[in-house]
Amino acid sequence: LALCDGFTGCNDVTTASVVGLVSRAISCLSPCLTDLSVRVLIL
């Protein structure tokens, strides 16, 4: 919740760019995530 409250917005970001970052890099940060959980996050 503190992580959420500390976020105030970000510029130069699009939904497509966030999807791309998650697709490429989330397994490096959270290798325990299943393929389904990553797919759900992208959706």
Full PDB file with SEQRES, HELIX, SHEET, SSBOND, CRYST1, ORIGX, SCALE, CONECT and MASTER records, all heavy atoms in Angstrom:
SEQRES   1 A   43  LEU ALA LEU CYS ASP GLY PHE THR GLY CYS ASN ASP VAL          
SEQRES   2 A   43  THR THR ALA SER VAL VAL GLY LEU VAL SER ARG ALA ILE          
SEQRES   3 A   43  SER CYS LEU SER PRO CYS LEU THR ASP LEU SER VAL ARG          
SEQRES   4 A   43  VAL LEU ILE LEU                                              
HELIX    1 AA1 ALA A    2  ASP A    5  1                                   4    
HELIX    2 AA2 THR A   15  LEU A   29  1                                  15    
HELIX    3 AA3 ASP A   35  ILE A   42  1                                   8    
CRYST1    1.000    1.000    1.000  90.00  90.00  90.00 P 1           1          
ORIGX1      1.000000  0.000000  0.000000        0.00000                         
ORIGX2      0.000000  1.000000  0.000000        0.00000                         
ORIGX3      0.000000  0.000000  1.000000        0.00000                         
SCALE1      1.000000  0.000000  0.000000        0.00000                         
SCALE2      0.000000  1.000000  0.000000        0.00000                         
SCALE3      0.000000  0.000000  1.000000        0.00000                         
ATOM      1  N   LEU A   1       0.831  -1.208   0.000  1.00  0.00           N  
ATOM      2  CA  LEU A   1       0.000   0.000   0.000  1.00  0.00           C  
ATOM      3  C   LEU A   1       0.866   1.258   0.000  1.00  0.00           C  
ATOM      4  O   LEU A   1       0.532   2.256  -0.657  1.00  0.00           O  
ATOM      5  CB  LEU A   1      -0.920   0.000   1.212  1.00  0.00           C  
ATOM      6  CG  LEU A   1      -2.010  -1.085   1.249  1.00  0.00           C  
ATOM      7  CD1 LEU A   1      -2.858  -0.942   2.508  1.00  0.00           C  
ATOM      8  CD2 LEU A   1      -2.890  -1.025   0.000  1.00  0.00           C  
ATOM      9  N   ALA A   2       1.982   1.208   0.727  1.00  0.00           N  
ATOM     10  CA  ALA A   2       2.894   2.357   0.744  1.00  0.00           C  
ATOM     11  C   ALA A   2       3.492   2.595  -0.635  1.00  0.00           C  
ATOM     12  O   ALA A   2       3.693   3.747  -1.055  1.00  0.00           O  
ATOM     13  CB  ALA A   2       4.004   2.124   1.766  1.00  0.00           C  
ATOM     14  N   LEU A   3       3.762   1.506  -1.354  1.00  0.00           N  
ATOM     15  CA  LEU A   3       4.267   1.623  -2.718  1.00  0.00           C  
ATOM     16  C   LEU A   3       3.244   2.331  -3.596  1.00  0.00           C  
ATOM     17  O   LEU A   3       3.592   3.195  -4.409  1.00  0.00           O  
ATOM     18  CB  LEU A   3       4.581   0.235  -3.269  1.00  0.00           C  
ATOM     19  CG  LEU A   3       5.128   0.148  -4.695  1.00  0.00           C  
ATOM     20  CD1 LEU A   3       6.516   0.789  -4.783  1.00  0.00           C  
ATOM     21  CD2 LEU A   3       5.189  -1.304  -5.155  1.00  0.00           C  
ATOM     22  N   CYS A   4       1.980   1.982  -3.431  1.00  0.00           N  
ATOM     23  CA  CYS A   4       0.902   2.630  -4.192  1.00  0.00           C  
ATOM     24  C   CYS A   4       0.789   4.103  -3.839  1.00  0.00           C  
ATOM     25  O   CYS A   4       0.699   4.967  -4.719  1.00  0.00           O  
ATOM     26  CB  CYS A   4      -0.427   1.937  -3.907  1.00  0.00           C  
ATOM     27  SG  CYS A   4      -0.604   0.322  -4.665  1.00  0.00           S  
ATOM     28  N   ASP A   5       0.787   4.383  -2.547  1.00  0.00           N  
ATOM     29  CA  ASP A   5       0.599   5.761  -2.097  1.00  0.00           C  
ATOM     30  C   ASP A   5       1.747   6.660  -2.530  1.00  0.00           C  
ATOM     31  O   ASP A   5       1.569   7.868  -2.698  1.00  0.00           O  
ATOM     32  CB  ASP A   5       0.457   5.795  -0.573  1.00  0.00           C  
ATOM     33  CG  ASP A   5      -0.818   5.123  -0.088  1.00  0.00           C  
ATOM     34  OD1 ASP A   5      -1.746   4.969  -0.910  1.00  0.00           O  
ATOM     35  OD2 ASP A   5      -0.871   4.716   1.091  1.00  0.00           O  
ATOM     36  N   GLY A   6       2.933   6.071  -2.720  1.00  0.00           N  
ATOM     37  CA  GLY A   6       4.088   6.868  -3.121  1.00  0.00           C  
ATOM     38  C   GLY A   6       4.135   7.163  -4.606  1.00  0.00           C  
ATOM     39  O   GLY A   6       4.967   7.957  -5.060  1.00  0.00           O  
ATOM     40  N   PHE A   7       3.238   6.553  -5.374  1.00  0.00           N  
ATOM     41  CA  PHE A   7       3.232   6.774  -6.818  1.00  0.00           C  
ATOM     42  C   PHE A   7       2.322   7.937  -7.163  1.00  0.00           C  
ATOM     43  O   PHE A   7       1.147   7.964  -6.794  1.00  0.00           O  
ATOM     44  CB  PHE A   7       2.758   5.516  -7.541  1.00  0.00           C  
ATOM     45  CG  PHE A   7       2.650   5.691  -9.024  1.00  0.00           C  
ATOM     46  CD1 PHE A   7       3.788   5.785  -9.801  1.00  0.00           C  
ATOM     47  CD2 PHE A   7       1.408   5.782  -9.641  1.00  0.00           C  
ATOM     48  CE1 PHE A   7       3.695   5.956 -11.184  1.00  0.00           C  
ATOM     49  CE2 PHE A   7       1.310   5.948 -11.014  1.00  0.00           C  
ATOM     50  CZ  PHE A   7       2.452   6.035 -11.781  1.00  0.00           C  
ATOM     51  N   THR A   8       2.847   8.908  -7.897  1.00  0.00           N  
ATOM     52  CA  THR A   8       2.072  10.105  -8.233  1.00  0.00           C  
ATOM     53  C   THR A   8       1.874  10.272  -9.733  1.00  0.00           C  
ATOM     54  O   THR A   8       1.352  11.287 -10.175  1.00  0.00           O  
ATOM     55  CB  THR A   8       2.768  11.359  -7.671  1.00  0.00           C  
ATOM     56  OG1 THR A   8       4.106  11.424  -8.189  1.00  0.00           O  
ATOM     57  CG2 THR A   8       2.809  11.316  -6.145  1.00  0.00           C  
ATOM     58  N   GLY A   9       2.292   9.285 -10.517  1.00  0.00           N  
ATOM     59  CA  GLY A   9       2.131   9.367 -11.965  1.00  0.00           C  
ATOM     60  C   GLY A   9       3.468   9.355 -12.668  1.00  0.00           C  
ATOM     61  O   GLY A   9       4.515   9.622 -12.075  1.00  0.00           O  
ATOM     62  N   CYS A  10       3.441   9.009 -13.953  1.00  0.00           N  
ATOM     63  CA  CYS A  10       4.679   8.982 -14.747  1.00  0.00           C  
ATOM     64  C   CYS A  10       4.377   9.460 -16.161  1.00  0.00           C  
ATOM     65  O   CYS A  10       3.309   9.199 -16.706  1.00  0.00           O  
ATOM     66  CB  CYS A  10       5.281   7.579 -14.768  1.00  0.00           C  
ATOM     67  SG  CYS A  10       4.125   6.275 -15.235  1.00  0.00           S  
ATOM     68  N   ASN A  11       5.330  10.181 -16.731  1.00  0.00           N  
ATOM     69  CA  ASN A  11       5.178  10.719 -18.074  1.00  0.00           C  
ATOM     70  C   ASN A  11       5.835   9.804 -19.100  1.00  0.00           C  
ATOM     71  O   ASN A  11       6.613   8.916 -18.767  1.00  0.00           O  
ATOM     72  CB  ASN A  11       5.797  12.118 -18.143  1.00  0.00           C  
ATOM     73  CG  ASN A  11       5.101  13.102 -17.223  1.00  0.00           C  
ATOM     74  OD1 ASN A  11       3.871  13.095 -17.120  1.00  0.00           O  
ATOM     75  ND2 ASN A  11       5.875  13.948 -16.558  1.00  0.00           N  
ATOM     76  N   ASP A  12       5.529  10.064 -20.353  1.00  0.00           N  
ATOM     77  CA  ASP A  12       6.141   9.332 -21.463  1.00  0.00           C  
ATOM     78  C   ASP A  12       5.949   7.828 -21.344  1.00  0.00           C  
ATOM     79  O   ASP A  12       6.862   7.039 -21.630  1.00  0.00           O  
ATOM     80  CB  ASP A  12       7.641   9.655 -21.563  1.00  0.00           C  
ATOM     81  CG  ASP A  12       7.892  11.146 -21.767  1.00  0.00           C  
ATOM     82  OD1 ASP A  12       7.077  11.780 -22.469  1.00  0.00           O  
ATOM     83  OD2 ASP A  12       8.880  11.661 -21.223  1.00  0.00           O  
ATOM     84  N   VAL A  13       4.782   7.431 -20.883  1.00  0.00           N  
ATOM     85  CA  VAL A  13       4.464   6.004 -20.729  1.00  0.00           C  
ATOM     86  C   VAL A  13       3.163   5.720 -21.461  1.00  0.00           C  
ATOM     87  O   VAL A  13       2.204   6.485 -21.377  1.00  0.00           O  
ATOM     88  CB  VAL A  13       4.322   5.618 -19.238  1.00  0.00           C  
ATOM     89  CG1 VAL A  13       3.817   4.187 -19.109  1.00  0.00           C  
ATOM     90  CG2 VAL A  13       5.659   5.762 -18.526  1.00  0.00           C  
ATOM     91  N   THR A  14       3.138   4.623 -22.184  1.00  0.00           N  
ATOM     92  CA  THR A  14       1.916   4.171 -22.840  1.00  0.00           C  
ATOM     93  C   THR A  14       1.619   2.749 -22.388  1.00  0.00           C  
ATOM     94  O   THR A  14       2.498   2.046 -21.873  1.00  0.00           O  
ATOM     95  CB  THR A  14       2.056   4.185 -24.370  1.00  0.00           C  
ATOM     96  OG1 THR A  14       3.057   3.222 -24.758  1.00  0.00           O  
ATOM     97  CG2 THR A  14       2.448   5.559 -24.871  1.00  0.00           C  
ATOM     98  N   THR A  15       0.389   2.344 -22.578  1.00  0.00           N  
ATOM     99  CA  THR A  15       0.016   0.977 -22.208  1.00  0.00           C  
ATOM    100  C   THR A  15       0.859  -0.038 -22.978  1.00  0.00           C  
ATOM    101  O   THR A  15       1.316  -1.032 -22.422  1.00  0.00           O  
ATOM    102  CB  THR A  15      -1.482   0.747 -22.483  1.00  0.00           C  
ATOM    103  OG1 THR A  15      -2.243   1.626 -21.627  1.00  0.00           O  
ATOM    104  CG2 THR A  15      -1.881  -0.691 -22.202  1.00  0.00           C  
ATOM    105  N   ALA A  16       1.088   0.220 -24.249  1.00  0.00           N  
ATOM    106  CA  ALA A  16       1.881  -0.701 -25.064  1.00  0.00           C  
ATOM    107  C   ALA A  16       3.310  -0.818 -24.554  1.00  0.00           C  
ATOM    108  O   ALA A  16       3.888  -1.919 -24.530  1.00  0.00           O  
ATOM    109  CB  ALA A  16       1.879  -0.249 -26.519  1.00  0.00           C  
ATOM    110  N   SER A  17       3.904   0.296 -24.136  1.00  0.00           N  
ATOM    111  CA  SER A  17       5.285   0.253 -23.649  1.00  0.00           C  
ATOM    112  C   SER A  17       5.375  -0.513 -22.335  1.00  0.00           C  
ATOM    113  O   SER A  17       6.359  -1.233 -22.094  1.00  0.00           O  
ATOM    114  CB  SER A  17       5.835   1.666 -23.474  1.00  0.00           C  
ATOM    115  OG  SER A  17       5.170   2.365 -22.439  1.00  0.00           O  
ATOM    116  N   VAL A  18       4.369  -0.380 -21.486  1.00  0.00           N  
ATOM    117  CA  VAL A  18       4.364  -1.117 -20.215  1.00  0.00           C  
ATOM    118  C   VAL A  18       4.208  -2.610 -20.476  1.00  0.00           C  
ATOM    119  O   VAL A  18       4.889  -3.437 -19.854  1.00  0.00           O  
ATOM    120  CB  VAL A  18       3.250  -0.597 -19.283  1.00  0.00           C  
ATOM    121  CG1 VAL A  18       3.196  -1.435 -17.995  1.00  0.00           C  
ATOM    122  CG2 VAL A  18       3.482   0.864 -18.940  1.00  0.00           C  
ATOM    123  N   VAL A  19       3.325  -2.964 -21.402  1.00  0.00           N  
ATOM    124  CA  VAL A  19       3.164  -4.379 -21.770  1.00  0.00           C  
ATOM    125  C   VAL A  19       4.488  -4.943 -22.271  1.00  0.00           C  
ATOM    126  O   VAL A  19       4.880  -6.061 -21.916  1.00  0.00           O  
ATOM    127  CB  VAL A  19       2.060  -4.541 -22.839  1.00  0.00           C  
ATOM    128  CG1 VAL A  19       2.099  -5.948 -23.430  1.00  0.00           C  
ATOM    129  CG2 VAL A  19       0.693  -4.276 -22.229  1.00  0.00           C  
ATOM    130  N   GLY A  20       5.192  -4.171 -23.097  1.00  0.00           N  
ATOM    131  CA  GLY A  20       6.474  -4.626 -23.617  1.00  0.00           C  
ATOM    132  C   GLY A  20       7.497  -4.857 -22.517  1.00  0.00           C  
ATOM    133  O   GLY A  20       8.214  -5.863 -22.525  1.00  0.00           O  
ATOM    134  N   LEU A  21       7.574  -3.936 -21.567  1.00  0.00           N  
ATOM    135  CA  LEU A  21       8.513  -4.084 -20.461  1.00  0.00           C  
ATOM    136  C   LEU A  21       8.191  -5.307 -19.617  1.00  0.00           C  
ATOM    137  O   LEU A  21       9.084  -6.071 -19.227  1.00  0.00           O  
ATOM    138  CB  LEU A  21       8.498  -2.829 -19.593  1.00  0.00           C  
ATOM    139  CG  LEU A  21       9.292  -1.622 -20.094  1.00  0.00           C  
ATOM    140  CD1 LEU A  21       9.029  -0.413 -19.210  1.00  0.00           C  
ATOM    141  CD2 LEU A  21      10.784  -1.946 -20.119  1.00  0.00           C  
ATOM    142  N   VAL A  22       6.915  -5.486 -19.314  1.00  0.00           N  
ATOM    143  CA  VAL A  22       6.504  -6.633 -18.501  1.00  0.00           C  
ATOM    144  C   VAL A  22       6.832  -7.931 -19.230  1.00  0.00           C  
ATOM    145  O   VAL A  22       7.358  -8.880 -18.632  1.00  0.00           O  
ATOM    146  CB  VAL A  22       4.999  -6.549 -18.172  1.00  0.00           C  
ATOM    147  CG1 VAL A  22       4.492  -7.873 -17.575  1.00  0.00           C  
ATOM    148  CG2 VAL A  22       4.744  -5.409 -17.192  1.00  0.00           C  
ATOM    149  N   SER A  23       6.538  -7.986 -20.507  1.00  0.00           N  
ATOM    150  CA  SER A  23       6.790  -9.197 -21.286  1.00  0.00           C  
ATOM    151  C   SER A  23       8.269  -9.565 -21.288  1.00  0.00           C  
ATOM    152  O   SER A  23       8.632 -10.734 -21.192  1.00  0.00           O  
ATOM    153  CB  SER A  23       6.300  -9.022 -22.725  1.00  0.00           C  
ATOM    154  OG  SER A  23       4.914  -8.759 -22.762  1.00  0.00           O  
ATOM    155  N   ARG A  24       9.140  -8.546 -21.391  1.00  0.00           N  
ATOM    156  CA  ARG A  24      10.577  -8.809 -21.511  1.00  0.00           C  
ATOM    157  C   ARG A  24      11.259  -9.043 -20.184  1.00  0.00           C  
ATOM    158  O   ARG A  24      12.165  -9.870 -20.100  1.00  0.00           O  
ATOM    159  CB  ARG A  24      11.270  -7.629 -22.219  1.00  0.00           C  
ATOM    160  CG  ARG A  24      10.876  -7.426 -23.654  1.00  0.00           C  
ATOM    161  CD  ARG A  24      11.875  -6.532 -24.375  1.00  0.00           C  
ATOM    162  NE  ARG A  24      12.071  -5.263 -23.710  1.00  0.00           N  
ATOM    163  CZ  ARG A  24      11.328  -4.176 -23.906  1.00  0.00           C  
ATOM    164  NH1 ARG A  24      10.307  -4.226 -24.745  1.00  0.00           N  
ATOM    165  NH2 ARG A  24      11.582  -3.044 -23.282  1.00  0.00           N  
ATOM    166  N   ALA A  25      10.848  -8.326 -19.151  1.00  0.00           N  
ATOM    167  CA  ALA A  25      11.698  -8.244 -17.963  1.00  0.00           C  
ATOM    168  C   ALA A  25      11.114  -8.758 -16.660  1.00  0.00           C  
ATOM    169  O   ALA A  25      11.861  -8.923 -15.695  1.00  0.00           O  
ATOM    170  CB  ALA A  25      12.140  -6.789 -17.775  1.00  0.00           C  
ATOM    171  N   ILE A  26       9.820  -9.013 -16.583  1.00  0.00           N  
ATOM    172  CA  ILE A  26       9.257  -9.346 -15.277  1.00  0.00           C  
ATOM    173  C   ILE A  26       9.798 -10.669 -14.738  1.00  0.00           C  
ATOM    174  O   ILE A  26       9.932 -10.854 -13.522  1.00  0.00           O  
ATOM    175  CB  ILE A  26       7.712  -9.367 -15.326  1.00  0.00           C  
ATOM    176  CG1 ILE A  26       7.140  -9.292 -13.902  1.00  0.00           C  
ATOM    177  CG2 ILE A  26       7.200 -10.594 -16.076  1.00  0.00           C  
ATOM    178  CD1 ILE A  26       5.659  -9.048 -13.838  1.00  0.00           C  
ATOM    179  N   SER A  27      10.140 -11.608 -15.618  1.00  0.00           N  
ATOM    180  CA  SER A  27      10.673 -12.894 -15.152  1.00  0.00           C  
ATOM    181  C   SER A  27      12.023 -12.724 -14.481  1.00  0.00           C  
ATOM    182  O   SER A  27      12.421 -13.549 -13.655  1.00  0.00           O  
ATOM    183  CB  SER A  27      10.794 -13.870 -16.327  1.00  0.00           C  
ATOM    184  OG  SER A  27      11.687 -13.364 -17.304  1.00  0.00           O  
ATOM    185  N   CYS A  28      12.738 -11.654 -14.812  1.00  0.00           N  
ATOM    186  CA  CYS A  28      14.022 -11.371 -14.178  1.00  0.00           C  
ATOM    187  C   CYS A  28      13.825 -10.875 -12.746  1.00  0.00           C  
ATOM    188  O   CYS A  28      14.598 -11.205 -11.852  1.00  0.00           O  
ATOM    189  CB  CYS A  28      14.787 -10.345 -15.005  1.00  0.00           C  
ATOM    190  SG  CYS A  28      16.459  -9.993 -14.417  1.00  0.00           S  
ATOM    191  N   LEU A  29      12.781 -10.092 -12.525  1.00  0.00           N  
ATOM    192  CA  LEU A  29      12.498  -9.542 -11.196  1.00  0.00           C  
ATOM    193  C   LEU A  29      11.710 -10.507 -10.320  1.00  0.00           C  
ATOM    194  O   LEU A  29      11.912 -10.554  -9.111  1.00  0.00           O  
ATOM    195  CB  LEU A  29      11.724  -8.229 -11.334  1.00  0.00           C  
ATOM    196  CG  LEU A  29      12.452  -7.084 -12.038  1.00  0.00           C  
ATOM    197  CD1 LEU A  29      11.514  -5.904 -12.232  1.00  0.00           C  
ATOM    198  CD2 LEU A  29      13.688  -6.664 -11.248  1.00  0.00           C  
ATOM    199  N   SER A  30      10.800 -11.265 -10.930  1.00  0.00           N  
ATOM    200  CA  SER A  30       9.961 -12.207 -10.179  1.00  0.00           C  
ATOM    201  C   SER A  30       9.939 -13.550 -10.904  1.00  0.00           C  
ATOM    202  O   SER A  30       8.967 -13.898 -11.565  1.00  0.00           O  
ATOM    203  CB  SER A  30       8.529 -11.661 -10.029  1.00  0.00           C  
ATOM    204  OG  SER A  30       8.510 -10.465  -9.286  1.00  0.00           O  
ATOM    205  N   PRO A  31      11.018 -14.318 -10.794  1.00  0.00           N  
ATOM    206  CA  PRO A  31      11.092 -15.585 -11.534  1.00  0.00           C  
ATOM    207  C   PRO A  31      10.068 -16.621 -11.086  1.00  0.00           C  
ATOM    208  O   PRO A  31       9.836 -17.590 -11.802  1.00  0.00           O  
ATOM    209  CB  PRO A  31      12.524 -16.073 -11.241  1.00  0.00           C  
ATOM    210  CG  PRO A  31      12.932 -15.354  -9.993  1.00  0.00           C  
ATOM    211  CD  PRO A  31      12.239 -14.036 -10.028  1.00  0.00           C  
ATOM    212  N   CYS A  32       9.453 -16.399  -9.919  1.00  0.00           N  
ATOM    213  CA  CYS A  32       8.477 -17.363  -9.423  1.00  0.00           C  
ATOM    214  C   CYS A  32       7.124 -17.242 -10.112  1.00  0.00           C  
ATOM    215  O   CYS A  32       6.278 -18.127 -10.003  1.00  0.00           O  
ATOM    216  CB  CYS A  32       8.286 -17.181  -7.920  1.00  0.00           C  
ATOM    217  SG  CYS A  32       7.584 -15.575  -7.507  1.00  0.00           S  
ATOM    218  N   LEU A  33       6.883 -16.147 -10.833  1.00  0.00           N  
ATOM    219  CA  LEU A  33       5.578 -15.962 -11.460  1.00  0.00           C  
ATOM    220  C   LEU A  33       5.332 -17.026 -12.525  1.00  0.00           C  
ATOM    221  O   LEU A  33       6.212 -17.355 -13.307  1.00  0.00           O  
ATOM    222  CB  LEU A  33       5.478 -14.577 -12.097  1.00  0.00           C  
ATOM    223  CG  LEU A  33       5.447 -13.378 -11.141  1.00  0.00           C  
ATOM    224  CD1 LEU A  33       5.366 -12.082 -11.926  1.00  0.00           C  
ATOM    225  CD2 LEU A  33       4.294 -13.484 -10.156  1.00  0.00           C  
ATOM    226  N   THR A  34       4.119 -17.535 -12.552  1.00  0.00           N  
ATOM    227  CA  THR A  34       3.754 -18.521 -13.563  1.00  0.00           C  
ATOM    228  C   THR A  34       3.431 -17.819 -14.879  1.00  0.00           C  
ATOM    229  O   THR A  34       3.207 -16.607 -14.920  1.00  0.00           O  
ATOM    230  CB  THR A  34       2.526 -19.319 -13.117  1.00  0.00           C  
ATOM    231  OG1 THR A  34       1.411 -18.408 -12.970  1.00  0.00           O  
ATOM    232  CG2 THR A  34       2.772 -20.005 -11.776  1.00  0.00           C  
ATOM    233  N   ASP A  35       3.411 -18.603 -15.957  1.00  0.00           N  
ATOM    234  CA  ASP A  35       3.040 -18.039 -17.260  1.00  0.00           C  
ATOM    235  C   ASP A  35       1.636 -17.436 -17.202  1.00  0.00           C  
ATOM    236  O   ASP A  35       1.379 -16.390 -17.807  1.00  0.00           O  
ATOM    237  CB  ASP A  35       3.094 -19.115 -18.339  1.00  0.00           C  
ATOM    238  CG  ASP A  35       4.523 -19.561 -18.640  1.00  0.00           C  
ATOM    239  OD1 ASP A  35       5.460 -18.827 -18.275  1.00  0.00           O  
ATOM    240  OD2 ASP A  35       4.686 -20.642 -19.239  1.00  0.00           O  
ATOM    241  N   LEU A  36       0.745 -18.095 -16.478  1.00  0.00           N  
ATOM    242  CA  LEU A  36      -0.626 -17.588 -16.367  1.00  0.00           C  
ATOM    243  C   LEU A  36      -0.662 -16.260 -15.636  1.00  0.00           C  
ATOM    244  O   LEU A  36      -1.361 -15.328 -16.055  1.00  0.00           O  
ATOM    245  CB  LEU A  36      -1.521 -18.605 -15.661  1.00  0.00           C  
ATOM    246  CG  LEU A  36      -2.963 -18.145 -15.412  1.00  0.00           C  
ATOM    247  CD1 LEU A  36      -3.673 -17.827 -16.722  1.00  0.00           C  
ATOM    248  CD2 LEU A  36      -3.736 -19.197 -14.613  1.00  0.00           C  
ATOM    249  N   SER A  37       0.077 -16.139 -14.549  1.00  0.00           N  
ATOM    250  CA  SER A  37       0.054 -14.885 -13.790  1.00  0.00           C  
ATOM    251  C   SER A  37       0.607 -13.727 -14.619  1.00  0.00           C  
ATOM    252  O   SER A  37       0.087 -12.612 -14.558  1.00  0.00           O  
ATOM    253  CB  SER A  37       0.839 -15.038 -12.479  1.00  0.00           C  
ATOM    254  OG  SER A  37       2.182 -15.391 -12.727  1.00  0.00           O  
ATOM    255  N   VAL A  38       1.642 -13.985 -15.418  1.00  0.00           N  
ATOM    256  CA  VAL A  38       2.177 -12.933 -16.285  1.00  0.00           C  
ATOM    257  C   VAL A  38       1.147 -12.565 -17.350  1.00  0.00           C  
ATOM    258  O   VAL A  38       0.942 -11.381 -17.648  1.00  0.00           O  
ATOM    259  CB  VAL A  38       3.491 -13.390 -16.941  1.00  0.00           C  
ATOM    260  CG1 VAL A  38       3.984 -12.337 -17.942  1.00  0.00           C  
ATOM    261  CG2 VAL A  38       4.560 -13.634 -15.882  1.00  0.00           C  
ATOM    262  N   ARG A  39       0.486 -13.572 -17.910  1.00  0.00           N  
ATOM    263  CA  ARG A  39      -0.548 -13.318 -18.921  1.00  0.00           C  
ATOM    264  C   ARG A  39      -1.693 -12.501 -18.321  1.00  0.00           C  
ATOM    265  O   ARG A  39      -2.195 -11.564 -18.960  1.00  0.00           O  
ATOM    266  CB  ARG A  39      -1.073 -14.650 -19.466  1.00  0.00           C  
ATOM    267  CG  ARG A  39      -2.233 -14.535 -20.438  1.00  0.00           C  
ATOM    268  CD  ARG A  39      -1.870 -13.748 -21.665  1.00  0.00           C  
ATOM    269  NE  ARG A  39      -2.971 -13.659 -22.616  1.00  0.00           N  
ATOM    270  CZ  ARG A  39      -3.178 -12.633 -23.404  1.00  0.00           C  
ATOM    271  NH1 ARG A  39      -2.364 -11.587 -23.381  1.00  0.00           N  
ATOM    272  NH2 ARG A  39      -4.203 -12.617 -24.249  1.00  0.00           N  
ATOM    273  N   VAL A  40      -2.090 -12.831 -17.105  1.00  0.00           N  
ATOM    274  CA  VAL A  40      -3.164 -12.089 -16.445  1.00  0.00           C  
ATOM    275  C   VAL A  40      -2.740 -10.644 -16.207  1.00  0.00           C  
ATOM    276  O   VAL A  40      -3.531  -9.707 -16.438  1.00  0.00           O  
ATOM    277  CB  VAL A  40      -3.549 -12.770 -15.112  1.00  0.00           C  
ATOM    278  CG1 VAL A  40      -4.435 -11.857 -14.267  1.00  0.00           C  
ATOM    279  CG2 VAL A  40      -4.272 -14.092 -15.378  1.00  0.00           C  
ATOM    280  N   LEU A  41      -1.510 -10.438 -15.776  1.00  0.00           N  
ATOM    281  CA  LEU A  41      -1.036  -9.074 -15.541  1.00  0.00           C  
ATOM    282  C   LEU A  41      -1.060  -8.263 -16.838  1.00  0.00           C  
ATOM    283  O   LEU A  41      -1.475  -7.102 -16.845  1.00  0.00           O  
ATOM    284  CB  LEU A  41       0.376  -9.103 -14.954  1.00  0.00           C  
ATOM    285  CG  LEU A  41       0.998  -7.737 -14.663  1.00  0.00           C  
ATOM    286  CD1 LEU A  41       0.135  -6.934 -13.696  1.00  0.00           C  
ATOM    287  CD2 LEU A  41       2.416  -7.896 -14.118  1.00  0.00           C  
ATOM    288  N   ILE A  42      -0.625  -8.868 -17.926  1.00  0.00           N  
ATOM    289  CA  ILE A  42      -0.644  -8.168 -19.214  1.00  0.00           C  
ATOM    290  C   ILE A  42      -2.072  -7.813 -19.616  1.00  0.00           C  
ATOM    291  O   ILE A  42      -2.348  -6.709 -20.101  1.00  0.00           O  
ATOM    292  CB  ILE A  42       0.044  -9.022 -20.294  1.00  0.00           C  
ATOM    293  CG1 ILE A  42       1.550  -9.072 -20.027  1.00  0.00           C  
ATOM    294  CG2 ILE A  42      -0.232  -8.468 -21.690  1.00  0.00           C  
ATOM    295  CD1 ILE A  42       2.307 -10.010 -20.940  1.00  0.00           C  
ATOM    296  N   LEU A  43      -3.003  -8.736 -19.398  1.00  0.00           N  
ATOM    297  CA  LEU A  43      -4.410  -8.454 -19.711  1.00  0.00           C  
ATOM    298  C   LEU A  43      -4.938  -7.298 -18.867  1.00  0.00           C  
ATOM    299  O   LEU A  43      -5.683  -6.441 -19.362  1.00  0.00           O  
ATOM    300  CB  LEU A  43      -5.256  -9.702 -19.475  1.00  0.00           C  
ATOM    301  CG  LEU A  43      -5.120 -10.826 -20.505  1.00  0.00           C  
ATOM    302  CD1 LEU A  43      -5.861 -12.075 -20.029  1.00  0.00           C  
ATOM    303  CD2 LEU A  43      -5.664 -10.379 -21.862  1.00  0.00           C  
TER     304      LEU A  43                                                      
MASTER        0    0    0    3    0    0    0    6  303    1    0    4          
END                                                                             
